[in-house]
N, C-alpha and C. Protein backbone atom coordinates (compact mmCIF):
# COMPACT_ATOMS: atom_id res chain seq x y z
N UNK A 1 -13.92 50.41 -70.02
CA UNK A 1 -14.58 49.98 -68.50
C UNK A 1 -14.18 51.24 -67.65
N UNK A 2 -15.70 50.69 -66.89
CA UNK A 2 -16.19 52.04 -65.88
C UNK A 2 -15.37 51.52 -64.57
N UNK A 3 -15.58 53.52 -64.60
CA UNK A 3 -14.78 53.58 -63.54
C UNK A 3 -15.68 53.76 -62.24
N UNK A 4 -14.78 53.47 -60.75
CA UNK A 4 -15.66 53.04 -59.79
C UNK A 4 -17.09 53.73 -59.44
N UNK A 5 -17.00 55.12 -59.84
CA UNK A 5 -18.28 55.77 -59.45
C UNK A 5 -19.47 54.99 -59.89
N UNK A 6 -18.95 54.77 -61.74
CA UNK A 6 -20.01 54.53 -62.27
C UNK A 6 -20.37 52.83 -61.73
N UNK A 7 -19.76 51.93 -61.08
CA UNK A 7 -19.17 50.62 -60.61
C UNK A 7 -20.52 51.04 -59.62
N UNK A 8 -20.09 51.69 -58.92
CA UNK A 8 -20.80 52.15 -57.31
C UNK A 8 -21.77 52.99 -57.56
N UNK A 9 -22.47 53.83 -58.01
CA UNK A 9 -23.51 53.97 -58.65
C UNK A 9 -24.69 52.63 -59.29
N UNK A 10 -23.85 52.35 -60.07
CA UNK A 10 -25.16 50.28 -60.59
C UNK A 10 -25.30 50.00 -59.35
N UNK A 11 -24.38 49.38 -58.37
CA UNK A 11 -24.91 48.84 -57.19
C UNK A 11 -25.70 49.68 -56.42
N UNK A 12 -25.76 50.57 -56.41
CA UNK A 12 -26.51 50.88 -55.69
C UNK A 12 -28.30 51.19 -56.69
N UNK A 13 -27.99 50.97 -57.70
CA UNK A 13 -29.43 50.83 -58.48
C UNK A 13 -29.79 49.79 -58.44
N UNK A 14 -28.75 48.70 -58.26
CA UNK A 14 -29.33 47.38 -58.18
C UNK A 14 -29.92 47.09 -56.83
N UNK A 15 -29.47 47.70 -55.79
CA UNK A 15 -30.20 47.45 -54.86
C UNK A 15 -30.81 47.94 -54.20
N UNK A 16 -31.29 49.16 -54.91
CA UNK A 16 -32.94 49.52 -54.98
C UNK A 16 -34.05 49.32 -55.51
N UNK A 17 -33.85 48.34 -57.24
CA UNK A 17 -34.94 47.65 -57.78
C UNK A 17 -34.80 46.76 -57.43
N UNK A 18 -33.92 45.91 -56.57
CA UNK A 18 -33.89 44.43 -55.42
C UNK A 18 -35.19 44.78 -54.20
N UNK A 19 -34.98 45.78 -53.75
CA UNK A 19 -36.10 46.05 -52.48
C UNK A 19 -37.19 46.52 -53.11
N UNK A 20 -37.78 47.07 -54.61
CA UNK A 20 -39.04 46.90 -54.87
C UNK A 20 -39.46 45.72 -54.97
N UNK A 21 -38.40 44.24 -55.67
CA UNK A 21 -39.02 43.60 -56.50
C UNK A 21 -40.05 42.55 -55.14
N UNK A 22 -38.62 42.87 -54.10
CA UNK A 22 -39.67 42.06 -53.23
C UNK A 22 -40.33 42.92 -52.16
N UNK A 23 -40.99 43.94 -52.66
CA UNK A 23 -42.48 44.05 -52.02
C UNK A 23 -41.69 46.14 -51.16
N UNK A 24 -40.13 46.02 -51.19
CA UNK A 24 -40.50 47.58 -50.29
C UNK A 24 -39.02 47.36 -49.64
N UNK A 25 -39.43 46.07 -48.60
CA UNK A 25 -38.43 45.77 -47.49
C UNK A 25 -37.91 44.42 -47.82
N UNK A 26 -36.51 44.47 -47.20
CA UNK A 26 -35.61 43.19 -47.23
C UNK A 26 -35.24 43.07 -46.28
N UNK A 27 -35.08 41.35 -45.06
CA UNK A 27 -34.22 41.15 -43.49
C UNK A 27 -32.95 42.23 -43.90
N UNK A 28 -31.98 42.61 -43.06
CA UNK A 28 -31.06 43.05 -43.52
C UNK A 28 -29.48 42.70 -44.18
N UNK A 29 -29.93 41.52 -42.68
CA UNK A 29 -28.68 40.16 -42.89
C UNK A 29 -28.73 39.24 -44.24
N UNK A 30 -30.35 39.56 -45.02
CA UNK A 30 -29.97 38.90 -45.98
C UNK A 30 -29.23 39.64 -47.71
N UNK A 31 -28.61 40.54 -46.90
CA UNK A 31 -28.50 41.91 -48.20
C UNK A 31 -26.88 41.88 -47.35
N UNK A 32 -26.41 41.71 -46.84
CA UNK A 32 -25.01 42.30 -46.98
C UNK A 32 -24.08 40.95 -47.07
N UNK A 33 -24.46 40.21 -47.90
CA UNK A 33 -23.74 39.31 -48.60
C UNK A 33 -23.00 39.41 -49.80
N UNK A 34 -24.48 40.14 -50.41
CA UNK A 34 -24.43 41.00 -51.95
C UNK A 34 -23.96 41.92 -52.05
N UNK A 35 -24.43 43.10 -50.67
CA UNK A 35 -23.84 44.45 -51.38
C UNK A 35 -23.09 44.36 -50.01
N UNK A 36 -22.36 45.60 -50.28
CA UNK A 36 -21.36 46.27 -49.79
C UNK A 36 -21.57 47.35 -48.58
N UNK A 37 -21.09 47.18 -46.95
CA UNK A 37 -22.37 48.29 -46.29
C UNK A 37 -21.99 49.39 -46.65
N UNK A 38 -21.12 50.17 -47.58
CA UNK A 38 -20.47 51.21 -48.01
C UNK A 38 -22.11 51.88 -48.79
N UNK A 39 -22.43 50.98 -49.68
CA UNK A 39 -23.61 50.97 -51.05
C UNK A 39 -24.54 50.99 -49.94
N UNK A 40 -25.30 49.99 -49.36
CA UNK A 40 -26.34 50.70 -47.88
C UNK A 40 -26.47 51.78 -47.02
N UNK A 41 -25.23 51.81 -46.58
CA UNK A 41 -24.61 53.51 -46.44
C UNK A 41 -24.84 54.74 -46.86
N UNK A 42 -24.54 54.43 -48.00
CA UNK A 42 -25.03 55.73 -49.17
C UNK A 42 -25.86 55.67 -49.44
N UNK A 43 -27.05 54.66 -49.34
CA UNK A 43 -28.67 55.09 -49.62
C UNK A 43 -29.20 55.02 -47.98
N UNK A 44 -28.69 55.15 -47.15
CA UNK A 44 -29.17 55.63 -45.96
C UNK A 44 -29.45 57.07 -45.94
N UNK A 45 -27.47 57.54 -46.12
CA UNK A 45 -27.21 59.13 -45.75
C UNK A 45 -27.80 59.76 -46.93
N UNK A 46 -28.09 59.04 -48.28
CA UNK A 46 -29.38 60.21 -49.46
C UNK A 46 -30.56 59.84 -48.48
N UNK A 47 -31.13 58.94 -47.84
CA UNK A 47 -32.53 58.83 -47.47
C UNK A 47 -33.43 58.77 -48.54
N UNK A 48 -32.78 57.33 -48.82
CA UNK A 48 -33.59 56.92 -50.04
C UNK A 48 -34.22 55.55 -49.57
N UNK A 49 -33.04 54.83 -48.46
CA UNK A 49 -33.78 53.64 -47.86
C UNK A 49 -33.57 53.83 -46.21
N UNK A 50 -34.31 52.69 -45.12
CA UNK A 50 -34.02 53.08 -44.13
C UNK A 50 -34.18 51.89 -43.34
N UNK A 51 -33.94 51.53 -41.89
CA UNK A 51 -33.71 50.29 -40.76
C UNK A 51 -34.37 50.67 -41.08
N UNK A 52 -35.80 49.15 -40.23
CA UNK A 52 -36.27 49.05 -39.14
C UNK A 52 -36.21 48.06 -38.47
N UNK A 53 -36.16 48.34 -36.88
CA UNK A 53 -35.94 47.41 -35.62
C UNK A 53 -37.27 46.99 -36.03
N UNK A 54 -37.10 45.31 -35.91
CA UNK A 54 -38.61 44.64 -35.55
C UNK A 54 -38.83 43.36 -34.59
N UNK A 55 -37.82 44.15 -33.87
CA UNK A 55 -37.73 43.39 -32.15
C UNK A 55 -36.99 41.64 -32.55
N UNK A 56 -36.75 41.77 -33.93
CA UNK A 56 -36.85 40.20 -34.44
C UNK A 56 -35.35 40.42 -35.05
N UNK A 57 -35.40 41.48 -35.79
CA UNK A 57 -33.90 41.87 -36.65
C UNK A 57 -34.22 42.85 -37.02
N UNK A 58 -33.24 43.44 -37.72
CA UNK A 58 -33.51 44.28 -38.85
C UNK A 58 -34.23 44.40 -40.43
N UNK A 59 -34.96 45.22 -41.21
CA UNK A 59 -35.65 45.48 -42.14
C UNK A 59 -34.99 46.52 -42.97
N UNK A 60 -34.64 46.35 -44.26
CA UNK A 60 -34.08 47.25 -44.99
C UNK A 60 -35.33 47.37 -45.84
N UNK A 61 -36.04 48.83 -46.12
CA UNK A 61 -36.80 49.43 -46.80
C UNK A 61 -36.80 50.87 -47.46
N UNK A 62 -37.70 50.41 -48.41
CA UNK A 62 -37.72 51.66 -49.57
C UNK A 62 -38.42 53.31 -48.09
N UNK A 63 -37.50 54.64 -48.25
CA UNK A 63 -38.06 55.58 -47.31
C UNK A 63 -39.21 55.62 -48.38
N UNK A 64 -40.15 55.89 -47.46
CA UNK A 64 -41.94 56.44 -47.86
C UNK A 64 -41.40 57.73 -49.10
N UNK A 65 -40.54 58.41 -48.68
CA UNK A 65 -40.46 59.40 -49.81
C UNK A 65 -39.91 59.23 -50.96
N UNK A 66 -39.58 57.71 -50.85
CA UNK A 66 -39.25 57.75 -52.00
C UNK A 66 -39.90 57.27 -53.38
């Protein structure tokens, strides 16, 4: 059985693959039911993703340096 750290890392990697699949950005509200806030926050802290305010909502996008 995988421990919680491996499971967390697997979910974070899955989120990055989802972002890549959708062209690098996804409206944040579409992800909040599929991924926990802690996974999104961890990727933000590691500067792998960034949030962009479009004026009509927020986009989660892959960081330019990634």
